[in-house]
Amino acid sequence: LKLGEDYYQRNANVLAPHMYSDVVWHWDGNGLASRPVPR
C-alpha cells in the first residue's frame, strides 16, 4: 500500500529521475517480458 501510494505520487524515494524506465516488466510463465510505456 505504501509503495503504491509512493509510485502514484511520484515520490522521490521510488521515482528519482534515474528510477524511471521505458518499460514495465512481468513474468509470462517462461521468463521475463516487457511492455513499453510512456514516462
Full PDB file with SEQRES, HELIX, SHEET, SSBOND, CRYST1, ORIGX, SCALE, CONECT and MASTER records, all heavy atoms in Angstrom:
SEQRES   1 A   39  LEU LYS LEU GLY GLU ASP TYR TYR GLN ARG ASN ALA ASN          
SEQRES   2 A   39  VAL LEU ALA PRO HIS MET TYR SER ASP VAL VAL TRP HIS          
SEQRES   3 A   39  TRP ASP GLY ASN GLY LEU ALA SER ARG PRO VAL PRO ARG          
HELIX    1 AA1 LYS A    2  TYR A    8  1                                   7    
HELIX    2 AA2 ALA A   12  LEU A   15  1                                   4    
HELIX    3 AA3 PRO A   17  MET A   19  5                                   3    
SHEET    1 AA1 2 VAL A  23  TRP A  27  0                                        
SHEET    2 AA1 2 LEU A  32  PRO A  36 -1                                        
CRYST1    1.000    1.000    1.000  90.00  90.00  90.00 P 1           1          
ORIGX1      1.000000  0.000000  0.000000        0.00000                         
ORIGX2      0.000000  1.000000  0.000000        0.00000                         
ORIGX3      0.000000  0.000000  1.000000        0.00000                         
SCALE1      1.000000  0.000000  0.000000        0.00000                         
SCALE2      0.000000  1.000000  0.000000        0.00000                         
SCALE3      0.000000  0.000000  1.000000        0.00000                         
ATOM      1  N   LEU A   1       0.833  -1.208   0.000  1.00  0.00           N  
ATOM      2  CA  LEU A   1       0.000   0.000   0.000  1.00  0.00           C  
ATOM      3  C   LEU A   1       0.868   1.259   0.000  1.00  0.00           C  
ATOM      4  O   LEU A   1       0.592   2.209  -0.740  1.00  0.00           O  
ATOM      5  CB  LEU A   1      -0.929   0.002   1.207  1.00  0.00           C  
ATOM      6  CG  LEU A   1      -2.085  -1.002   1.184  1.00  0.00           C  
ATOM      7  CD1 LEU A   1      -2.836  -0.978   2.508  1.00  0.00           C  
ATOM      8  CD2 LEU A   1      -3.043  -0.718   0.029  1.00  0.00           C  
ATOM      9  N   LYS A   2       1.914   1.260   0.827  1.00  0.00           N  
ATOM     10  CA  LYS A   2       2.801   2.433   0.874  1.00  0.00           C  
ATOM     11  C   LYS A   2       3.549   2.615  -0.441  1.00  0.00           C  
ATOM     12  O   LYS A   2       3.665   3.729  -0.962  1.00  0.00           O  
ATOM     13  CB  LYS A   2       3.804   2.298   2.025  1.00  0.00           C  
ATOM     14  CG  LYS A   2       4.712   3.529   2.149  1.00  0.00           C  
ATOM     15  CD  LYS A   2       5.716   3.382   3.262  1.00  0.00           C  
ATOM     16  CE  LYS A   2       6.541   4.670   3.425  1.00  0.00           C  
ATOM     17  NZ  LYS A   2       7.168   5.126   2.173  1.00  0.00           N  
ATOM     18  N   LEU A   3       4.044   1.508  -0.998  1.00  0.00           N  
ATOM     19  CA  LEU A   3       4.775   1.594  -2.252  1.00  0.00           C  
ATOM     20  C   LEU A   3       3.860   2.072  -3.384  1.00  0.00           C  
ATOM     21  O   LEU A   3       4.257   2.890  -4.224  1.00  0.00           O  
ATOM     22  CB  LEU A   3       5.379   0.231  -2.598  1.00  0.00           C  
ATOM     23  CG  LEU A   3       6.357   0.190  -3.774  1.00  0.00           C  
ATOM     24  CD1 LEU A   3       7.571   1.064  -3.501  1.00  0.00           C  
ATOM     25  CD2 LEU A   3       6.773  -1.257  -4.063  1.00  0.00           C  
ATOM     26  N   GLY A   4       2.614   1.575  -3.394  1.00  0.00           N  
ATOM     27  CA  GLY A   4       1.666   2.019  -4.413  1.00  0.00           C  
ATOM     28  C   GLY A   4       1.386   3.499  -4.327  1.00  0.00           C  
ATOM     29  O   GLY A   4       1.346   4.204  -5.349  1.00  0.00           O  
ATOM     30  N   GLU A   5       1.222   4.013  -3.108  1.00  0.00           N  
ATOM     31  CA  GLU A   5       0.979   5.444  -2.933  1.00  0.00           C  
ATOM     32  C   GLU A   5       2.214   6.254  -3.310  1.00  0.00           C  
ATOM     33  O   GLU A   5       2.101   7.333  -3.923  1.00  0.00           O  
ATOM     34  CB  GLU A   5       0.567   5.736  -1.491  1.00  0.00           C  
ATOM     35  CG  GLU A   5       0.145   7.174  -1.230  1.00  0.00           C  
ATOM     36  CD  GLU A   5      -1.115   7.601  -1.975  1.00  0.00           C  
ATOM     37  OE1 GLU A   5      -1.856   6.701  -2.454  1.00  0.00           O  
ATOM     38  OE2 GLU A   5      -1.353   8.819  -2.107  1.00  0.00           O  
ATOM     39  N   ASP A   6       3.401   5.750  -2.981  1.00  0.00           N  
ATOM     40  CA  ASP A   6       4.636   6.448  -3.356  1.00  0.00           C  
ATOM     41  C   ASP A   6       4.763   6.549  -4.875  1.00  0.00           C  
ATOM     42  O   ASP A   6       5.142   7.591  -5.411  1.00  0.00           O  
ATOM     43  CB  ASP A   6       5.854   5.732  -2.780  1.00  0.00           C  
ATOM     44  CG  ASP A   6       6.058   6.028  -1.301  1.00  0.00           C  
ATOM     45  OD1 ASP A   6       5.512   7.042  -0.819  1.00  0.00           O  
ATOM     46  OD2 ASP A   6       6.756   5.253  -0.621  1.00  0.00           O  
ATOM     47  N   TYR A   7       4.471   5.459  -5.560  1.00  0.00           N  
ATOM     48  CA  TYR A   7       4.525   5.500  -7.021  1.00  0.00           C  
ATOM     49  C   TYR A   7       3.467   6.449  -7.573  1.00  0.00           C  
ATOM     50  O   TYR A   7       3.726   7.234  -8.489  1.00  0.00           O  
ATOM     51  CB  TYR A   7       4.320   4.105  -7.612  1.00  0.00           C  
ATOM     52  CG  TYR A   7       5.596   3.314  -7.762  1.00  0.00           C  
ATOM     53  CD1 TYR A   7       5.783   2.118  -7.070  1.00  0.00           C  
ATOM     54  CD2 TYR A   7       6.610   3.753  -8.604  1.00  0.00           C  
ATOM     55  CE1 TYR A   7       6.949   1.382  -7.217  1.00  0.00           C  
ATOM     56  CE2 TYR A   7       7.788   3.026  -8.752  1.00  0.00           C  
ATOM     57  CZ  TYR A   7       7.945   1.841  -8.059  1.00  0.00           C  
ATOM     58  OH  TYR A   7       9.113   1.127  -8.195  1.00  0.00           O  
ATOM     59  N   TYR A   8       2.271   6.369  -7.015  1.00  0.00           N  
ATOM     60  CA  TYR A   8       1.188   7.224  -7.518  1.00  0.00           C  
ATOM     61  C   TYR A   8       1.557   8.701  -7.387  1.00  0.00           C  
ATOM     62  O   TYR A   8       1.318   9.497  -8.297  1.00  0.00           O  
ATOM     63  CB  TYR A   8      -0.103   6.936  -6.756  1.00  0.00           C  
ATOM     64  CG  TYR A   8      -1.273   7.754  -7.259  1.00  0.00           C  
ATOM     65  CD1 TYR A   8      -2.014   7.325  -8.353  1.00  0.00           C  
ATOM     66  CD2 TYR A   8      -1.615   8.969  -6.668  1.00  0.00           C  
ATOM     67  CE1 TYR A   8      -3.067   8.083  -8.839  1.00  0.00           C  
ATOM     68  CE2 TYR A   8      -2.656   9.731  -7.154  1.00  0.00           C  
ATOM     69  CZ  TYR A   8      -3.383   9.277  -8.236  1.00  0.00           C  
ATOM     70  OH  TYR A   8      -4.411  10.046  -8.725  1.00  0.00           O  
ATOM     71  N   GLN A   9       2.156   9.061  -6.257  1.00  0.00           N  
ATOM     72  CA  GLN A   9       2.536  10.450  -6.000  1.00  0.00           C  
ATOM     73  C   GLN A   9       3.874  10.831  -6.641  1.00  0.00           C  
ATOM     74  O   GLN A   9       4.294  11.973  -6.538  1.00  0.00           O  
ATOM     75  CB  GLN A   9       2.611  10.699  -4.488  1.00  0.00           C  
ATOM     76  CG  GLN A   9       1.299  10.535  -3.752  1.00  0.00           C  
ATOM     77  CD  GLN A   9       0.301  11.638  -4.068  1.00  0.00           C  
ATOM     78  OE1 GLN A   9       0.618  12.593  -4.765  1.00  0.00           O  
ATOM     79  NE2 GLN A   9      -0.906  11.498  -3.558  1.00  0.00           N  
ATOM     80  N   ARG A  10       4.550   9.879  -7.292  1.00  0.00           N  
ATOM     81  CA  ARG A  10       5.873  10.106  -7.894  1.00  0.00           C  
ATOM     82  C   ARG A  10       6.878  10.584  -6.844  1.00  0.00           C  
ATOM     83  O   ARG A  10       7.697  11.481  -7.096  1.00  0.00           O  
ATOM     84  CB  ARG A  10       5.795  11.122  -9.042  1.00  0.00           C  
ATOM     85  CG  ARG A  10       4.881  10.712 -10.174  1.00  0.00           C  
ATOM     86  CD  ARG A  10       4.809  11.795 -11.228  1.00  0.00           C  
ATOM     87  NE  ARG A  10       3.768  11.537 -12.217  1.00  0.00           N  
ATOM     88  CZ  ARG A  10       3.979  11.272 -13.491  1.00  0.00           C  
ATOM     89  NH1 ARG A  10       5.209  11.223 -13.954  1.00  0.00           N  
ATOM     90  NH2 ARG A  10       2.973  11.063 -14.314  1.00  0.00           N  
ATOM     91  N   ASN A  11       6.797  10.001  -5.656  1.00  0.00           N  
ATOM     92  CA  ASN A  11       7.716  10.404  -4.600  1.00  0.00           C  
ATOM     93  C   ASN A  11       9.151  10.016  -4.959  1.00  0.00           C  
ATOM     94  O   ASN A  11       9.396   8.993  -5.607  1.00  0.00           O  
ATOM     95  CB  ASN A  11       7.316   9.765  -3.270  1.00  0.00           C  
ATOM     96  CG  ASN A  11       6.053  10.398  -2.712  1.00  0.00           C  
ATOM     97  OD1 ASN A  11       5.727  11.541  -3.038  1.00  0.00           O  
ATOM     98  ND2 ASN A  11       5.325   9.668  -1.878  1.00  0.00           N  
ATOM     99  N   ALA A  12      10.085  10.843  -4.523  1.00  0.00           N  
ATOM    100  CA  ALA A  12      11.476  10.682  -4.929  1.00  0.00           C  
ATOM    101  C   ALA A  12      12.092   9.381  -4.424  1.00  0.00           C  
ATOM    102  O   ALA A  12      13.059   8.887  -5.011  1.00  0.00           O  
ATOM    103  CB  ALA A  12      12.298  11.872  -4.443  1.00  0.00           C  
ATOM    104  N   ASN A  13      11.574   8.793  -3.343  1.00  0.00           N  
ATOM    105  CA  ASN A  13      12.162   7.551  -2.833  1.00  0.00           C  
ATOM    106  C   ASN A  13      11.928   6.371  -3.777  1.00  0.00           C  
ATOM    107  O   ASN A  13      12.630   5.361  -3.709  1.00  0.00           O  
ATOM    108  CB  ASN A  13      11.600   7.223  -1.444  1.00  0.00           C  
ATOM    109  CG  ASN A  13      10.098   7.007  -1.456  1.00  0.00           C  
ATOM    110  OD1 ASN A  13       9.357   7.840  -1.964  1.00  0.00           O  
ATOM    111  ND2 ASN A  13       9.639   5.909  -0.881  1.00  0.00           N  
ATOM    112  N   VAL A  14      10.945   6.489  -4.684  1.00  0.00           N  
ATOM    113  CA  VAL A  14      10.705   5.422  -5.659  1.00  0.00           C  
ATOM    114  C   VAL A  14      10.883   5.902  -7.093  1.00  0.00           C  
ATOM    115  O   VAL A  14      11.088   5.097  -7.999  1.00  0.00           O  
ATOM    116  CB  VAL A  14       9.296   4.816  -5.498  1.00  0.00           C  
ATOM    117  CG1 VAL A  14       9.138   4.187  -4.133  1.00  0.00           C  
ATOM    118  CG2 VAL A  14       8.207   5.835  -5.749  1.00  0.00           C  
ATOM    119  N   LEU A  15      10.801   7.209  -7.316  1.00  0.00           N  
ATOM    120  CA  LEU A  15      10.920   7.724  -8.676  1.00  0.00           C  
ATOM    121  C   LEU A  15      11.797   8.968  -8.736  1.00  0.00           C  
ATOM    122  O   LEU A  15      11.370  10.041  -9.177  1.00  0.00           O  
ATOM    123  CB  LEU A  15       9.535   8.024  -9.272  1.00  0.00           C  
ATOM    124  CG  LEU A  15       8.770   6.811  -9.808  1.00  0.00           C  
ATOM    125  CD1 LEU A  15       7.443   7.236 -10.405  1.00  0.00           C  
ATOM    126  CD2 LEU A  15       9.590   6.053 -10.838  1.00  0.00           C  
ATOM    127  N   ALA A  16      13.025   8.820  -8.262  1.00  0.00           N  
ATOM    128  CA  ALA A  16      14.029   9.829  -8.578  1.00  0.00           C  
ATOM    129  C   ALA A  16      14.260   9.769 -10.092  1.00  0.00           C  
ATOM    130  O   ALA A  16      13.883   8.777 -10.738  1.00  0.00           O  
ATOM    131  CB  ALA A  16      15.306   9.537  -7.816  1.00  0.00           C  
ATOM    132  N   PRO A  17      14.849  10.794 -10.698  1.00  0.00           N  
ATOM    133  CA  PRO A  17      14.993  10.809 -12.157  1.00  0.00           C  
ATOM    134  C   PRO A  17      15.598   9.534 -12.754  1.00  0.00           C  
ATOM    135  O   PRO A  17      15.192   9.099 -13.835  1.00  0.00           O  
ATOM    136  CB  PRO A  17      15.894  12.021 -12.394  1.00  0.00           C  
ATOM    137  CG  PRO A  17      15.551  12.953 -11.271  1.00  0.00           C  
ATOM    138  CD  PRO A  17      15.313  12.063 -10.090  1.00  0.00           C  
ATOM    139  N   HIS A  18      16.551   8.886 -12.044  1.00  0.00           N  
ATOM    140  CA  HIS A  18      17.197   7.693 -12.599  1.00  0.00           C  
ATOM    141  C   HIS A  18      16.382   6.424 -12.379  1.00  0.00           C  
ATOM    142  O   HIS A  18      16.779   5.347 -12.836  1.00  0.00           O  
ATOM    143  CB  HIS A  18      18.584   7.513 -11.964  1.00  0.00           C  
ATOM    144  CG  HIS A  18      18.542   7.183 -10.510  1.00  0.00           C  
ATOM    145  ND1 HIS A  18      18.344   8.142  -9.532  1.00  0.00           N  
ATOM    146  CD2 HIS A  18      18.656   6.001  -9.853  1.00  0.00           C  
ATOM    147  CE1 HIS A  18      18.351   7.568  -8.340  1.00  0.00           C  
ATOM    148  NE2 HIS A  18      18.532   6.278  -8.510  1.00  0.00           N  
ATOM    149  N   MET A  19      15.243   6.515 -11.705  1.00  0.00           N  
ATOM    150  CA  MET A  19      14.460   5.323 -11.389  1.00  0.00           C  
ATOM    151  C   MET A  19      13.342   5.039 -12.392  1.00  0.00           C  
ATOM    152  O   MET A  19      12.643   4.040 -12.275  1.00  0.00           O  
ATOM    153  CB  MET A  19      13.850   5.455  -9.983  1.00  0.00           C  
ATOM    154  CG  MET A  19      14.857   5.428  -8.864  1.00  0.00           C  
ATOM    155  SD  MET A  19      14.038   5.641  -7.253  1.00  0.00           S  
ATOM    156  CE  MET A  19      15.424   5.408  -6.137  1.00  0.00           C  
ATOM    157  N   TYR A  20      13.147   5.913 -13.362  1.00  0.00           N  
ATOM    158  CA  TYR A  20      12.123   5.663 -14.383  1.00  0.00           C  
ATOM    159  C   TYR A  20      12.622   4.601 -15.364  1.00  0.00           C  
ATOM    160  O   TYR A  20      13.819   4.375 -15.512  1.00  0.00           O  
ATOM    161  CB  TYR A  20      11.803   6.942 -15.154  1.00  0.00           C  
ATOM    162  CG  TYR A  20      10.907   7.905 -14.423  1.00  0.00           C  
ATOM    163  CD1 TYR A  20      11.436   8.780 -13.479  1.00  0.00           C  
ATOM    164  CD2 TYR A  20       9.545   7.934 -14.669  1.00  0.00           C  
ATOM    165  CE1 TYR A  20      10.615   9.674 -12.802  1.00  0.00           C  
ATOM    166  CE2 TYR A  20       8.715   8.822 -14.003  1.00  0.00           C  
ATOM    167  CZ  TYR A  20       9.254   9.692 -13.074  1.00  0.00           C  
ATOM    168  OH  TYR A  20       8.445  10.563 -12.403  1.00  0.00           O  
ATOM    169  N   SER A  21      11.692   3.959 -16.039  1.00  0.00           N  
ATOM    170  CA  SER A  21      12.041   3.001 -17.070  1.00  0.00           C  
ATOM    171  C   SER A  21      11.151   3.234 -18.292  1.00  0.00           C  
ATOM    172  O   SER A  21      10.078   3.834 -18.185  1.00  0.00           O  
ATOM    173  CB  SER A  21      11.844   1.569 -16.561  1.00  0.00           C  
ATOM    174  OG  SER A  21      12.051   0.633 -17.605  1.00  0.00           O  
ATOM    175  N   ASP A  22      11.614   2.747 -19.442  1.00  0.00           N  
ATOM    176  CA  ASP A  22      10.813   2.849 -20.663  1.00  0.00           C  
ATOM    177  C   ASP A  22       9.851   1.688 -20.801  1.00  0.00           C  
ATOM    178  O   ASP A  22       9.040   1.646 -21.739  1.00  0.00           O  
ATOM    179  CB  ASP A  22      11.728   2.883 -21.895  1.00  0.00           C  
ATOM    180  CG  ASP A  22      12.626   4.106 -21.896  1.00  0.00           C  
ATOM    181  OD1 ASP A  22      12.161   5.171 -21.463  1.00  0.00           O  
ATOM    182  OD2 ASP A  22      13.790   3.986 -22.322  1.00  0.00           O  
ATOM    183  N   VAL A  23       9.949   0.713 -19.905  1.00  0.00           N  
ATOM    184  CA  VAL A  23       9.095  -0.478 -19.981  1.00  0.00           C  
ATOM    185  C   VAL A  23       8.638  -0.858 -18.575  1.00  0.00           C  
ATOM    186  O   VAL A  23       9.227  -0.434 -17.574  1.00  0.00           O  
ATOM    187  CB  VAL A  23       9.845  -1.681 -20.599  1.00  0.00           C  
ATOM    188  CG1 VAL A  23      10.323  -1.351 -22.011  1.00  0.00           C  
ATOM    189  CG2 VAL A  23      11.017  -2.115 -19.712  1.00  0.00           C  
ATOM    190  N   VAL A  24       7.605  -1.674 -18.513  1.00  0.00           N  
ATOM    191  CA  VAL A  24       7.254  -2.366 -17.275  1.00  0.00           C  
ATOM    192  C   VAL A  24       7.413  -3.862 -17.547  1.00  0.00           C  
ATOM    193  O   VAL A  24       7.153  -4.351 -18.651  1.00  0.00           O  
ATOM    194  CB  VAL A  24       5.816  -2.048 -16.813  1.00  0.00           C  
ATOM    195  CG1 VAL A  24       5.709  -0.611 -16.348  1.00  0.00           C  
ATOM    196  CG2 VAL A  24       4.800  -2.327 -17.903  1.00  0.00           C  
ATOM    197  N   TRP A  25       7.877  -4.580 -16.515  1.00  0.00           N  
ATOM    198  CA  TRP A  25       8.177  -5.999 -16.652  1.00  0.00           C  
ATOM    199  C   TRP A  25       7.075  -6.861 -16.044  1.00  0.00           C  
ATOM    200  O   TRP A  25       6.375  -6.442 -15.123  1.00  0.00           O  
ATOM    201  CB  TRP A  25       9.502  -6.320 -15.963  1.00  0.00           C  
ATOM    202  CG  TRP A  25      10.695  -5.654 -16.577  1.00  0.00           C  
ATOM    203  CD1 TRP A  25      11.252  -4.460 -16.223  1.00  0.00           C  
ATOM    204  CD2 TRP A  25      11.471  -6.137 -17.667  1.00  0.00           C  
ATOM    205  NE1 TRP A  25      12.318  -4.164 -17.024  1.00  0.00           N  
ATOM    206  CE2 TRP A  25      12.481  -5.186 -17.926  1.00  0.00           C  
ATOM    207  CE3 TRP A  25      11.406  -7.292 -18.468  1.00  0.00           C  
ATOM    208  CZ2 TRP A  25      13.427  -5.355 -18.933  1.00  0.00           C  
ATOM    209  CZ3 TRP A  25      12.349  -7.452 -19.461  1.00  0.00           C  
ATOM    210  CH2 TRP A  25      13.342  -6.493 -19.697  1.00  0.00           C  
ATOM    211  N   HIS A  26       6.983  -8.101 -16.548  1.00  0.00           N  
ATOM    212  CA  HIS A  26       6.110  -9.102 -15.928  1.00  0.00           C  
ATOM    213  C   HIS A  26       6.653 -10.486 -16.256  1.00  0.00           C  
ATOM    214  O   HIS A  26       7.447 -10.653 -17.191  1.00  0.00           O  
ATOM    215  CB  HIS A  26       4.661  -8.967 -16.413  1.00  0.00           C  
ATOM    216  CG  HIS A  26       4.466  -9.231 -17.877  1.00  0.00           C  
ATOM    217  ND1 HIS A  26       4.707  -8.270 -18.835  1.00  0.00           N  
ATOM    218  CD2 HIS A  26       4.067 -10.353 -18.549  1.00  0.00           C  
ATOM    219  CE1 HIS A  26       4.460  -8.773 -20.040  1.00  0.00           C  
ATOM    220  NE2 HIS A  26       4.084 -10.029 -19.892  1.00  0.00           N  
ATOM    221  N   TRP A  27       6.237 -11.455 -15.457  1.00  0.00           N  
ATOM    222  CA  TRP A  27       6.644 -12.840 -15.702  1.00  0.00           C  
ATOM    223  C   TRP A  27       5.544 -13.514 -16.507  1.00  0.00           C  
ATOM    224  O   TRP A  27       4.397 -13.569 -16.066  1.00  0.00           O  
ATOM    225  CB  TRP A  27       6.863 -13.566 -14.370  1.00  0.00           C  
ATOM    226  CG  TRP A  27       7.478 -14.915 -14.547  1.00  0.00           C  
ATOM    227  CD1 TRP A  27       6.833 -16.103 -14.629  1.00  0.00           C  
ATOM    228  CD2 TRP A  27       8.864 -15.197 -14.677  1.00  0.00           C  
ATOM    229  NE1 TRP A  27       7.731 -17.126 -14.812  1.00  0.00           N  
ATOM    230  CE2 TRP A  27       8.996 -16.591 -14.844  1.00  0.00           C  
ATOM    231  CE3 TRP A  27      10.023 -14.418 -14.678  1.00  0.00           C  
ATOM    232  CZ2 TRP A  27      10.218 -17.226 -15.003  1.00  0.00           C  
ATOM    233  CZ3 TRP A  27      11.245 -15.040 -14.838  1.00  0.00           C  
ATOM    234  CH2 TRP A  27      11.351 -16.424 -14.999  1.00  0.00           C  
ATOM    235  N   ASP A  28       5.900 -13.991 -17.714  1.00  0.00           N  
ATOM    236  CA  ASP A  28       4.860 -14.526 -18.602  1.00  0.00           C  
ATOM    237  C   ASP A  28       4.740 -16.043 -18.549  1.00  0.00           C  
ATOM    238  O   ASP A  28       4.074 -16.649 -19.384  1.00  0.00           O  
ATOM    239  CB  ASP A  28       5.102 -14.069 -20.040  1.00  0.00           C  
ATOM    240  CG  ASP A  28       6.307 -14.744 -20.679  1.00  0.00           C  
ATOM    241  OD1 ASP A  28       7.009 -15.513 -19.967  1.00  0.00           O  
ATOM    242  OD2 ASP A  28       6.542 -14.523 -21.886  1.00  0.00           O  
ATOM    243  N   GLY A  29       5.393 -16.689 -17.567  1.00  0.00           N  
ATOM    244  CA  GLY A  29       5.313 -18.136 -17.443  1.00  0.00           C  
ATOM    245  C   GLY A  29       6.602 -18.834 -17.810  1.00  0.00           C  
ATOM    246  O   GLY A  29       6.954 -19.862 -17.226  1.00  0.00           O  
ATOM    247  N   ASN A  30       7.303 -18.294 -18.785  1.00  0.00           N  
ATOM    248  CA  ASN A  30       8.564 -18.892 -19.217  1.00  0.00           C  
ATOM    249  C   ASN A  30       9.758 -17.983 -18.974  1.00  0.00           C  
ATOM    250  O   ASN A  30      10.905 -18.402 -19.097  1.00  0.00           O  
ATOM    251  CB  ASN A  30       8.496 -19.226 -20.719  1.00  0.00           C  
ATOM    252  CG  ASN A  30       7.420 -20.242 -21.028  1.00  0.00           C  
ATOM    253  OD1 ASN A  30       7.359 -21.279 -20.380  1.00  0.00           O  
ATOM    254  ND2 ASN A  30       6.574 -19.941 -21.997  1.00  0.00           N  
ATOM    255  N   GLY A  31       9.506 -16.733 -18.681  1.00  0.00           N  
ATOM    256  CA  GLY A  31      10.600 -15.792 -18.472  1.00  0.00           C  
ATOM    257  C   GLY A  31      10.062 -14.385 -18.350  1.00  0.00           C  
ATOM    258  O   GLY A  31       8.840 -14.154 -18.363  1.00  0.00           O  
ATOM    259  N   LEU A  32      10.962 -13.445 -18.241  1.00  0.00           N  
ATOM    260  CA  LEU A  32      10.571 -12.050 -18.120  1.00  0.00           C  
ATOM    261  C   LEU A  32      10.173 -11.492 -19.480  1.00  0.00           C  
ATOM    262  O   LEU A  32      10.776 -11.813 -20.503  1.00  0.00           O  
ATOM    263  CB  LEU A  32      11.726 -11.224 -17.549  1.00  0.00           C  
ATOM    264  CG  LEU A  32      12.031 -11.415 -16.068  1.00  0.00           C  
ATOM    265  CD1 LEU A  32      13.350 -10.759 -15.702  1.00  0.00           C  
ATOM    266  CD2 LEU A  32      10.902 -10.838 -15.221  1.00  0.00           C  
ATOM    267  N   ALA A  33       9.138 -10.673 -19.481  1.00  0.00           N  
ATOM    268  CA  ALA A  33       8.703  -9.983 -20.699  1.00  0.00           C  
ATOM    269  C   ALA A  33       8.458  -8.529 -20.343  1.00  0.00           C  
ATOM    270  O   ALA A  33       8.113  -8.199 -19.204  1.00  0.00           O  
ATOM    271  CB  ALA A  33       7.426 -10.623 -21.259  1.00  0.00           C  
ATOM    272  N   SER A  34       8.641  -7.644 -21.328  1.00  0.00           N  
ATOM    273  CA  SER A  34       8.492  -6.214 -21.073  1.00  0.00           C  
ATOM    274  C   SER A  34       7.417  -5.624 -21.975  1.00  0.00           C  
ATOM    275  O   SER A  34       7.118  -6.159 -23.046  1.00  0.00           O  
ATOM    276  CB  SER A  34       9.814  -5.486 -21.294  1.00  0.00           C  
ATOM    277  OG  SER A  34      10.224  -5.596 -22.658  1.00  0.00           O  
ATOM    278  N   ARG A  35       6.878  -4.509 -21.532  1.00  0.00           N  
ATOM    279  CA  ARG A  35       5.879  -3.766 -22.312  1.00  0.00           C  
ATOM    280  C   ARG A  35       6.242  -2.293 -22.258  1.00  0.00           C  
ATOM    281  O   ARG A  35       6.366  -1.732 -21.171  1.00  0.00           O  
ATOM    282  CB  ARG A  35       4.482  -3.997 -21.728  1.00  0.00           C  
ATOM    283  CG  ARG A  35       3.370  -3.244 -22.423  1.00  0.00           C  
ATOM    284  CD  ARG A  35       2.006  -3.769 -21.992  1.00  0.00           C  
ATOM    285  NE  ARG A  35       1.830  -3.760 -20.558  1.00  0.00           N  
ATOM    286  CZ  ARG A  35       1.405  -2.699 -19.860  1.00  0.00           C  
ATOM    287  NH1 ARG A  35       1.126  -1.557 -20.478  1.00  0.00           N  
ATOM    288  NH2 ARG A  35       1.256  -2.780 -18.553  1.00  0.00           N  
ATOM    289  N   PRO A  36       6.406  -1.632 -23.407  1.00  0.00           N  
ATOM    290  CA  PRO A  36       6.771  -0.213 -23.398  1.00  0.00           C  
ATOM    291  C   PRO A  36       5.669   0.649 -22.800  1.00  0.00           C  
ATOM    292  O   PRO A  36       4.478   0.379 -22.994  1.00  0.00           O  
ATOM    293  CB  PRO A  36       6.978   0.120 -24.885  1.00  0.00           C  
ATOM    294  CG  PRO A  36       7.119  -1.205 -25.573  1.00  0.00           C  
ATOM    295  CD  PRO A  36       6.314  -2.170 -24.769  1.00  0.00           C  
ATOM    296  N   VAL A  37       6.076   1.674 -22.062  1.00  0.00           N  
ATOM    297  CA  VAL A  37       5.118   2.647 -21.528  1.00  0.00           C  
ATOM    298  C   VAL A  37       5.731   4.039 -21.611  1.00  0.00           C  
ATOM    299  O   VAL A  37       6.941   4.200 -21.421  1.00  0.00           O  
ATOM    300  CB  VAL A  37       4.711   2.358 -20.058  1.00  0.00           C  
ATOM    301  CG1 VAL A  37       3.987   1.047 -19.929  1.00  0.00           C  
ATOM    302  CG2 VAL A  37       5.936   2.377 -19.155  1.00  0.00           C  
ATOM    303  N   PRO A  38       4.909   5.075 -21.882  1.00  0.00           N  
ATOM    304  CA  PRO A  38       5.433   6.448 -21.840  1.00  0.00           C  
ATOM    305  C   PRO A  38       5.817   6.820 -20.415  1.00  0.00           C  
ATOM    306  O   PRO A  38       5.247   6.318 -19.441  1.00  0.00           O  
ATOM    307  CB  PRO A  38       4.246   7.295 -22.329  1.00  0.00           C  
ATOM    308  CG  PRO A  38       3.304   6.335 -22.981  1.00  0.00           C  
ATOM    309  CD  PRO A  38       3.507   5.035 -22.289  1.00  0.00           C  
ATOM    310  N   ARG A  39       6.789   7.684 -20.284  1.00  0.00           N  
ATOM    311  CA  ARG A  39       7.242   8.137 -18.973  1.00  0.00           C  
ATOM    312  C   ARG A  39       6.088   8.727 -18.161  1.00  0.00           C  
ATOM    313  O   ARG A  39       6.027   8.562 -16.937  1.00  0.00           O  
ATOM    314  CB  ARG A  39       8.349   9.181 -19.144  1.00  0.00           C  
ATOM    315  CG  ARG A  39       8.953   9.697 -17.844  1.00  0.00           C  
ATOM    316  CD  ARG A  39       9.965  10.805 -18.124  1.00  0.00           C  
ATOM    317  NE  ARG A  39      10.530  11.353 -16.906  1.00  0.00           N  
ATOM    318  CZ  ARG A  39      11.687  10.986 -16.371  1.00  0.00           C  
ATOM    319  NH1 ARG A  39      12.404  10.038 -16.957  1.00  0.00           N  
ATOM    320  NH2 ARG A  39      12.142  11.550 -15.271  1.00  0.00           N  
TER     321      ARG A  39                                                      
MASTER        0    0    0    3    2    0    0    6  320    1    0    3          
END                                                                             
